Amino acid sequence: MRVLPLIAIMASVLLLAGCPKKPTTAPEAETGSAVPGETDGATTGGAAGAGVGEARPLPGGEGGGAGADAAMAAGAGRIIYFDFDSSEIRPEYAEIITAAARRLAAAPALRIRLEGHTDERGSREYNIALGERRAQAVRRALLLQGAGDPQVVTVSFGEERPAMDGTDEAAYEKNRRVEIVDAG
């Protein structure tokens, strides 16, 4: 009696295993066509016709000008500030990132370190993770702009190295940052 239900279950499993399935892949989009769900006019062909591995301007920036490149070479303009509890790069820092990426692309032997920092609010562990997310966000932007993968390393100091002491919003704003430091 027990054999009959076992045979029925085995037969069902074999039938289901042998049924063909419909393909689950989406049709490929044409190069330059709009990506479904995008509202900012992005296309699958990249920005302004840039292909894979080519530099693309960041949103909100003009692609960086000679002034941004000169500031990067002089060491100025190497800090990117963030909003509270955020790792999203604000549009006003697009020019700094573009200038840093151009500098790296022009000198493949150049190495930089991105140091992520936070204000003192939150646990030590949370702030280390947030500092790392901020540094990684800048790293991704640099790589998209033409910097080489081995040229950019990240480190998070969390709340351990404040730029400004204090427990007011002015101090917190200066401490939520990523610093771009030449690594050799």
Foldseek 3Di string as FASTA:
>chain_A
DVVVVVVVVVVVVVVVVPDDDDDPDDDDDDAQDCDPPDDPSDTPCAAPNDHPLAAHQDPLDPLADPVLLVCVVVVHLFKFWDDPPDLDGDSVSSNNLSSVLVVQQVPVVWAKEKEFEAAPPDDQVVQQVSRQSNLVNSVVNSSNRNHDPVRYHYGYPRNPDFPDDDDDPVSRRRGGIIGIGTPD
